[in-house]
Amino acid sequence: MGNDAAGIRVGERLSAMHPELEVKDGGLGGLGLIPMMEGYERVIVVDAMTGYGTPGEVHVFNEPPSSTFFPMTLHDVGIAETLQIASALGITADVIVVGIEGGVIESFSNRMDREVEEGVGEACRVVLALLEKK
């Protein structure tokens, strides 16, 4: 998954460093995220994004981000649409999205660019800081 695996890498690192955290792999995202958010007061979604800075930059969205940054895929809707649907269904979790700029996302790559890998480390720090702010 190359640079597109940034969100998964954050989850793996956080699980290893903090086994007390509930970390879930949202897979390919989209509508499948909705049941995963049920019953939680706060949800932090971490994913790769494109078109908003240099590779590895980490951005925090307290409001649903535009699909420009987390585009819809051919198989499902984007994060912005998913959060709108979840809200319409009565899911009231406070959702924060942490995006890691992935730069060039290759379909099938077994390596992550160094800058994006550094962004994964920064995203882990950002998530932990967000969790400390209750």
N, C-alpha and C. Protein backbone atom coordinates (compact mmCIF):
# COMPACT_ATOMS: atom_id res chain seq x y z
N MET A 1 0.81 -1.20 0.00
CA MET A 1 0.00 0.00 0.00
C MET A 1 0.85 1.26 0.00
N GLY A 2 2.15 1.13 0.21
CA GLY A 2 3.03 2.29 0.14
C GLY A 2 2.60 3.42 1.05
N ASN A 3 2.61 4.64 0.53
CA ASN A 3 2.26 5.82 1.33
C ASN A 3 0.81 5.80 1.80
N ASP A 4 -0.05 5.08 1.08
CA ASP A 4 -1.45 5.01 1.47
C ASP A 4 -1.64 4.21 2.76
N ALA A 5 -0.62 3.52 3.22
CA ALA A 5 -0.70 2.73 4.45
C ALA A 5 -0.41 3.57 5.70
N ALA A 6 -0.26 4.86 5.56
CA ALA A 6 0.12 5.71 6.70
C ALA A 6 -0.82 5.54 7.88
N GLY A 7 -2.11 5.54 7.65
CA GLY A 7 -3.07 5.39 8.74
C GLY A 7 -2.95 4.04 9.43
N ILE A 8 -2.77 3.00 8.66
CA ILE A 8 -2.60 1.66 9.22
C ILE A 8 -1.34 1.60 10.08
N ARG A 9 -0.27 2.21 9.60
CA ARG A 9 0.99 2.22 10.37
C ARG A 9 0.83 2.95 11.70
N VAL A 10 0.06 4.03 11.71
CA VAL A 10 -0.20 4.74 12.97
C VAL A 10 -0.92 3.81 13.94
N GLY A 11 -1.94 3.12 13.46
CA GLY A 11 -2.68 2.18 14.30
C GLY A 11 -1.79 1.09 14.85
N GLU A 12 -0.93 0.53 14.02
CA GLU A 12 -0.02 -0.53 14.47
C GLU A 12 0.92 -0.02 15.56
N ARG A 13 1.49 1.16 15.33
CA ARG A 13 2.42 1.72 16.34
C ARG A 13 1.72 2.03 17.65
N LEU A 14 0.54 2.66 17.54
CA LEU A 14 -0.19 3.00 18.77
C LEU A 14 -0.60 1.74 19.53
N SER A 15 -1.02 0.70 18.83
CA SER A 15 -1.39 -0.55 19.48
C SER A 15 -0.19 -1.16 20.21
N ALA A 16 0.97 -1.11 19.57
CA ALA A 16 2.17 -1.68 20.17
C ALA A 16 2.63 -0.88 21.39
N MET A 17 2.57 0.46 21.28
CA MET A 17 3.04 1.33 22.37
C MET A 17 2.03 1.45 23.50
N HIS A 18 0.75 1.38 23.17
CA HIS A 18 -0.31 1.62 24.15
C HIS A 18 -1.42 0.57 23.97
N PRO A 19 -1.19 -0.64 24.45
CA PRO A 19 -2.19 -1.70 24.26
C PRO A 19 -3.52 -1.40 24.94
N GLU A 20 -3.55 -0.42 25.83
CA GLU A 20 -4.79 -0.06 26.50
C GLU A 20 -5.74 0.74 25.59
N LEU A 21 -5.24 1.25 24.48
CA LEU A 21 -6.06 2.01 23.55
C LEU A 21 -6.89 1.06 22.69
N GLU A 22 -8.09 1.48 22.35
CA GLU A 22 -8.91 0.73 21.41
C GLU A 22 -8.59 1.25 20.02
N VAL A 23 -7.81 0.49 19.30
CA VAL A 23 -7.42 0.86 17.94
C VAL A 23 -8.09 -0.11 16.99
N LYS A 24 -8.80 0.42 16.02
CA LYS A 24 -9.49 -0.41 15.03
C LYS A 24 -9.00 -0.05 13.64
N ASP A 25 -8.82 -1.06 12.83
CA ASP A 25 -8.44 -0.86 11.44
C ASP A 25 -9.72 -0.68 10.64
N GLY A 26 -9.92 0.51 10.11
CA GLY A 26 -11.12 0.81 9.34
C GLY A 26 -11.07 0.27 7.93
N GLY A 27 -10.04 -0.49 7.61
CA GLY A 27 -9.94 -1.07 6.28
C GLY A 27 -9.93 0.01 5.22
N LEU A 28 -10.81 -0.11 4.27
CA LEU A 28 -10.87 0.87 3.18
C LEU A 28 -11.77 2.04 3.51
N GLY A 29 -12.28 2.10 4.74
CA GLY A 29 -13.09 3.25 5.16
C GLY A 29 -14.49 3.22 4.62
N GLY A 30 -15.00 4.39 4.32
CA GLY A 30 -16.35 4.50 3.78
C GLY A 30 -17.42 4.12 4.77
N LEU A 31 -18.51 3.62 4.28
CA LEU A 31 -19.67 3.33 5.12
C LEU A 31 -19.38 2.28 6.19
N GLY A 32 -18.37 1.46 5.99
CA GLY A 32 -17.99 0.46 7.00
C GLY A 32 -17.51 1.07 8.30
N LEU A 33 -17.15 2.36 8.26
CA LEU A 33 -16.70 3.03 9.50
C LEU A 33 -17.87 3.33 10.44
N ILE A 34 -19.06 3.46 9.89
CA ILE A 34 -20.20 3.92 10.70
C ILE A 34 -20.47 3.01 11.89
N PRO A 35 -20.61 1.70 11.74
CA PRO A 35 -20.85 0.87 12.92
C PRO A 35 -19.67 0.86 13.90
N MET A 36 -18.48 1.13 13.40
CA MET A 36 -17.30 1.16 14.27
C MET A 36 -17.31 2.37 15.20
N MET A 37 -18.06 3.41 14.84
CA MET A 37 -18.11 4.63 15.64
C MET A 37 -19.22 4.59 16.69
N GLU A 38 -20.15 3.67 16.54
CA GLU A 38 -21.29 3.61 17.46
C GLU A 38 -20.82 3.33 18.89
N GLY A 39 -21.42 4.06 19.82
CA GLY A 39 -21.15 3.83 21.24
C GLY A 39 -19.93 4.56 21.79
N TYR A 40 -19.28 5.36 20.99
CA TYR A 40 -18.10 6.09 21.44
C TYR A 40 -18.41 7.58 21.55
N GLU A 41 -17.81 8.22 22.55
CA GLU A 41 -17.96 9.67 22.71
C GLU A 41 -17.02 10.42 21.76
N ARG A 42 -15.84 9.82 21.54
CA ARG A 42 -14.85 10.49 20.69
C ARG A 42 -14.17 9.45 19.82
N VAL A 43 -13.98 9.80 18.56
CA VAL A 43 -13.34 8.93 17.59
C VAL A 43 -12.27 9.74 16.88
N ILE A 44 -11.08 9.16 16.75
CA ILE A 44 -10.01 9.80 15.99
C ILE A 44 -9.74 8.90 14.79
N VAL A 45 -9.97 9.44 13.61
CA VAL A 45 -9.73 8.72 12.36
C VAL A 45 -8.40 9.20 11.81
N VAL A 46 -7.53 8.25 11.47
CA VAL A 46 -6.22 8.60 10.91
C VAL A 46 -6.13 7.98 9.52
N ASP A 47 -5.76 8.81 8.54
CA ASP A 47 -5.69 8.29 7.18
C ASP A 47 -4.69 9.09 6.36
N ALA A 48 -4.24 8.49 5.26
CA ALA A 48 -3.41 9.20 4.30
C ALA A 48 -4.31 10.17 3.53
N MET A 49 -3.75 11.27 3.11
CA MET A 49 -4.47 12.26 2.32
C MET A 49 -3.55 12.74 1.21
N THR A 50 -4.11 13.38 0.22
CA THR A 50 -3.28 13.90 -0.86
C THR A 50 -3.72 15.31 -1.25
N GLY A 51 -2.74 16.07 -1.69
CA GLY A 51 -3.04 17.39 -2.23
C GLY A 51 -3.11 18.51 -1.23
N TYR A 52 -2.54 18.34 -0.05
CA TYR A 52 -2.64 19.38 0.97
C TYR A 52 -1.30 19.54 1.69
N GLY A 53 -0.25 19.81 0.94
CA GLY A 53 1.04 20.05 1.57
C GLY A 53 2.10 19.11 1.05
N THR A 54 3.16 19.02 1.81
CA THR A 54 4.28 18.18 1.40
C THR A 54 4.18 16.82 2.08
N PRO A 55 4.71 15.78 1.45
CA PRO A 55 4.63 14.44 2.02
C PRO A 55 5.11 14.41 3.48
N GLY A 56 4.31 13.74 4.30
CA GLY A 56 4.62 13.59 5.71
C GLY A 56 3.98 14.63 6.62
N GLU A 57 3.48 15.73 6.05
CA GLU A 57 2.81 16.74 6.88
C GLU A 57 1.57 16.13 7.53
N VAL A 58 1.34 16.51 8.78
CA VAL A 58 0.18 16.01 9.52
C VAL A 58 -0.79 17.16 9.74
N HIS A 59 -2.06 16.91 9.45
CA HIS A 59 -3.11 17.92 9.60
C HIS A 59 -4.23 17.36 10.47
N VAL A 60 -4.78 18.21 11.32
CA VAL A 60 -5.88 17.82 12.19
C VAL A 60 -7.13 18.57 11.75
N PHE A 61 -8.21 17.82 11.54
CA PHE A 61 -9.48 18.38 11.12
C PHE A 61 -10.50 18.14 12.23
N ASN A 62 -10.96 19.21 12.86
CA ASN A 62 -11.98 19.09 13.90
C ASN A 62 -13.39 19.08 13.31
N GLU A 63 -13.51 19.46 12.07
CA GLU A 63 -14.76 19.39 11.31
C GLU A 63 -14.52 18.41 10.17
N PRO A 64 -15.57 17.77 9.68
CA PRO A 64 -15.35 16.84 8.57
C PRO A 64 -14.60 17.51 7.43
N PRO A 65 -13.49 16.91 7.02
CA PRO A 65 -12.70 17.49 5.93
C PRO A 65 -13.37 17.28 4.58
N SER A 66 -13.03 18.13 3.67
CA SER A 66 -13.56 18.05 2.31
C SER A 66 -13.09 16.77 1.64
N SER A 67 -13.89 16.26 0.75
CA SER A 67 -13.49 15.08 -0.03
C SER A 67 -12.33 15.39 -0.97
N THR A 68 -11.99 16.66 -1.08
CA THR A 68 -10.82 17.03 -1.88
C THR A 68 -9.57 16.40 -1.27
N PHE A 69 -9.53 16.34 0.09
CA PHE A 69 -8.34 15.83 0.78
C PHE A 69 -8.41 14.33 1.02
N PHE A 70 -9.60 13.80 1.23
CA PHE A 70 -9.82 12.37 1.43
C PHE A 70 -10.84 11.96 0.38
N PRO A 71 -10.43 11.79 -0.86
CA PRO A 71 -11.38 11.62 -1.96
C PRO A 71 -12.17 10.32 -1.88
N MET A 72 -13.35 10.36 -2.52
CA MET A 72 -14.14 9.15 -2.66
C MET A 72 -13.36 8.17 -3.53
N THR A 73 -13.60 6.91 -3.28
CA THR A 73 -12.96 5.88 -4.10
C THR A 73 -14.01 5.27 -5.00
N LEU A 74 -13.59 4.40 -5.86
CA LEU A 74 -14.53 3.76 -6.78
C LEU A 74 -15.44 2.77 -6.05
N HIS A 75 -15.05 2.34 -4.84
CA HIS A 75 -15.81 1.32 -4.15
C HIS A 75 -16.62 1.85 -2.97
N ASP A 76 -16.49 3.09 -2.62
CA ASP A 76 -17.21 3.60 -1.45
C ASP A 76 -17.17 5.12 -1.42
N VAL A 77 -17.80 5.70 -0.40
CA VAL A 77 -17.82 7.16 -0.24
C VAL A 77 -16.62 7.60 0.58
N GLY A 78 -16.32 8.90 0.53
CA GLY A 78 -15.19 9.45 1.26
C GLY A 78 -15.53 9.70 2.72
N ILE A 79 -14.55 10.14 3.49
CA ILE A 79 -14.71 10.35 4.93
C ILE A 79 -15.72 11.46 5.22
N ALA A 80 -15.72 12.52 4.43
CA ALA A 80 -16.66 13.61 4.69
C ALA A 80 -18.10 13.13 4.56
N GLU A 81 -18.37 12.38 3.50
CA GLU A 81 -19.73 11.86 3.30
C GLU A 81 -20.08 10.83 4.38
N THR A 82 -19.12 10.01 4.75
CA THR A 82 -19.36 9.00 5.80
C THR A 82 -19.74 9.68 7.11
N LEU A 83 -19.04 10.74 7.47
CA LEU A 83 -19.34 11.43 8.74
C LEU A 83 -20.70 12.12 8.67
N GLN A 84 -21.05 12.63 7.50
CA GLN A 84 -22.38 13.25 7.35
C GLN A 84 -23.48 12.21 7.51
N ILE A 85 -23.30 11.05 6.92
CA ILE A 85 -24.28 9.98 7.04
C ILE A 85 -24.37 9.50 8.48
N ALA A 86 -23.23 9.33 9.14
CA ALA A 86 -23.22 8.90 10.54
C ALA A 86 -24.00 9.89 11.41
N SER A 87 -23.79 11.16 11.19
CA SER A 87 -24.51 12.18 11.95
C SER A 87 -26.01 12.09 11.69
N ALA A 88 -26.39 11.90 10.45
CA ALA A 88 -27.81 11.78 10.11
C ALA A 88 -28.44 10.55 10.74
N LEU A 89 -27.62 9.52 10.99
CA LEU A 89 -28.11 8.29 11.63
C LEU A 89 -28.11 8.39 13.16
N GLY A 90 -27.66 9.54 13.68
CA GLY A 90 -27.69 9.74 15.13
C GLY A 90 -26.42 9.35 15.85
N ILE A 91 -25.36 9.11 15.13
CA ILE A 91 -24.08 8.81 15.79
C ILE A 91 -23.48 10.14 16.21
N THR A 92 -23.35 10.30 17.52
CA THR A 92 -23.01 11.61 18.07
C THR A 92 -21.56 11.72 18.54
N ALA A 93 -20.72 10.77 18.17
CA ALA A 93 -19.33 10.82 18.58
C ALA A 93 -18.68 12.11 18.06
N ASP A 94 -17.81 12.66 18.89
CA ASP A 94 -16.97 13.78 18.47
C ASP A 94 -15.88 13.16 17.60
N VAL A 95 -15.84 13.50 16.31
CA VAL A 95 -14.90 12.88 15.38
C VAL A 95 -13.82 13.89 14.99
N ILE A 96 -12.58 13.47 15.18
CA ILE A 96 -11.43 14.26 14.77
C ILE A 96 -10.71 13.43 13.71
N VAL A 97 -10.31 14.07 12.63
CA VAL A 97 -9.60 13.37 11.56
C VAL A 97 -8.17 13.88 11.53
N VAL A 98 -7.23 12.94 11.57
CA VAL A 98 -5.82 13.26 11.45
C VAL A 98 -5.37 12.74 10.09
N GLY A 99 -4.91 13.65 9.26
CA GLY A 99 -4.48 13.29 7.92
C GLY A 99 -2.98 13.41 7.77
N ILE A 100 -2.40 12.43 7.11
CA ILE A 100 -0.96 12.44 6.81
C ILE A 100 -0.83 12.58 5.30
N GLU A 101 -0.20 13.67 4.87
CA GLU A 101 -0.02 13.89 3.43
C GLU A 101 0.83 12.77 2.86
N GLY A 102 0.26 12.04 1.89
CA GLY A 102 0.94 10.90 1.32
C GLY A 102 1.70 11.19 0.04
N GLY A 103 1.52 12.39 -0.50
CA GLY A 103 2.19 12.69 -1.76
C GLY A 103 1.71 11.76 -2.86
N VAL A 104 2.62 11.09 -3.51
CA VAL A 104 2.28 10.16 -4.58
C VAL A 104 1.85 8.84 -3.95
N ILE A 105 0.63 8.44 -4.27
CA ILE A 105 0.10 7.18 -3.76
C ILE A 105 0.11 6.18 -4.92
N GLU A 106 0.99 5.21 -4.84
CA GLU A 106 1.06 4.17 -5.88
C GLU A 106 0.12 3.03 -5.49
N SER A 107 -0.51 2.46 -6.45
CA SER A 107 -1.47 1.39 -6.17
C SER A 107 -0.85 0.22 -5.45
N PHE A 108 0.26 -0.27 -5.95
CA PHE A 108 0.88 -1.45 -5.36
C PHE A 108 2.35 -1.17 -5.10
N SER A 109 2.66 -0.77 -3.89
CA SER A 109 4.03 -0.50 -3.51
C SER A 109 4.27 -1.13 -2.14
N ASN A 110 5.43 -1.68 -1.94
CA ASN A 110 5.73 -2.29 -0.66
C ASN A 110 6.60 -1.39 0.23
N ARG A 111 6.75 -0.15 -0.18
CA ARG A 111 7.56 0.76 0.64
C ARG A 111 6.87 2.10 0.81
N MET A 112 7.18 2.72 1.93
CA MET A 112 6.64 4.03 2.25
C MET A 112 7.79 5.04 2.16
N ASP A 113 7.55 6.17 1.56
CA ASP A 113 8.59 7.20 1.49
C ASP A 113 9.02 7.63 2.89
N ARG A 114 10.30 7.99 3.02
CA ARG A 114 10.85 8.36 4.33
C ARG A 114 10.05 9.50 4.97
N GLU A 115 9.66 10.50 4.19
CA GLU A 115 8.93 11.64 4.74
C GLU A 115 7.57 11.22 5.29
N VAL A 116 6.92 10.30 4.61
CA VAL A 116 5.62 9.83 5.07
C VAL A 116 5.79 8.99 6.33
N GLU A 117 6.84 8.17 6.36
CA GLU A 117 7.14 7.37 7.56
C GLU A 117 7.38 8.29 8.76
N GLU A 118 8.08 9.41 8.55
CA GLU A 118 8.28 10.39 9.62
C GLU A 118 6.93 11.00 10.03
N GLY A 119 6.06 11.22 9.06
CA GLY A 119 4.72 11.72 9.35
C GLY A 119 3.92 10.75 10.20
N VAL A 120 4.15 9.47 10.01
CA VAL A 120 3.47 8.45 10.84
C VAL A 120 3.86 8.65 12.30
N GLY A 121 5.14 8.86 12.57
CA GLY A 121 5.58 9.11 13.94
C GLY A 121 4.96 10.37 14.52
N GLU A 122 4.91 11.43 13.71
CA GLU A 122 4.28 12.68 14.16
C GLU A 122 2.80 12.48 14.41
N ALA A 123 2.13 11.75 13.55
CA ALA A 123 0.69 11.49 13.73
C ALA A 123 0.45 10.73 15.03
N CYS A 124 1.31 9.80 15.37
CA CYS A 124 1.17 9.09 16.65
C CYS A 124 1.24 10.07 17.82
N ARG A 125 2.19 10.99 17.77
CA ARG A 125 2.31 12.00 18.83
C ARG A 125 1.06 12.88 18.88
N VAL A 126 0.54 13.25 17.73
CA VAL A 126 -0.66 14.09 17.65
C VAL A 126 -1.86 13.35 18.26
N VAL A 127 -2.04 12.10 17.90
CA VAL A 127 -3.16 11.32 18.44
C VAL A 127 -3.07 11.22 19.95
N LEU A 128 -1.89 10.93 20.47
CA LEU A 128 -1.72 10.82 21.93
C LEU A 128 -2.02 12.16 22.61
N ALA A 129 -1.60 13.25 22.00
CA ALA A 129 -1.89 14.58 22.58
C ALA A 129 -3.39 14.85 22.54
N LEU A 130 -4.06 14.47 21.47
CA LEU A 130 -5.52 14.65 21.38
C LEU A 130 -6.24 13.82 22.45
N LEU A 131 -5.74 12.63 22.72
CA LEU A 131 -6.36 11.77 23.73
C LEU A 131 -6.19 12.34 25.13
N GLU A 132 -5.10 13.06 25.35
CA GLU A 132 -4.87 13.68 26.66
C GLU A 132 -5.82 14.84 26.91
N LYS A 133 -6.28 15.50 25.85
CA LYS A 133 -7.24 16.61 25.96
C LYS A 133 -8.63 16.03 26.06
N LYS A 134 -9.15 15.95 27.21
CA LYS A 134 -10.50 15.37 27.35
C LYS A 134 -11.54 16.38 27.29
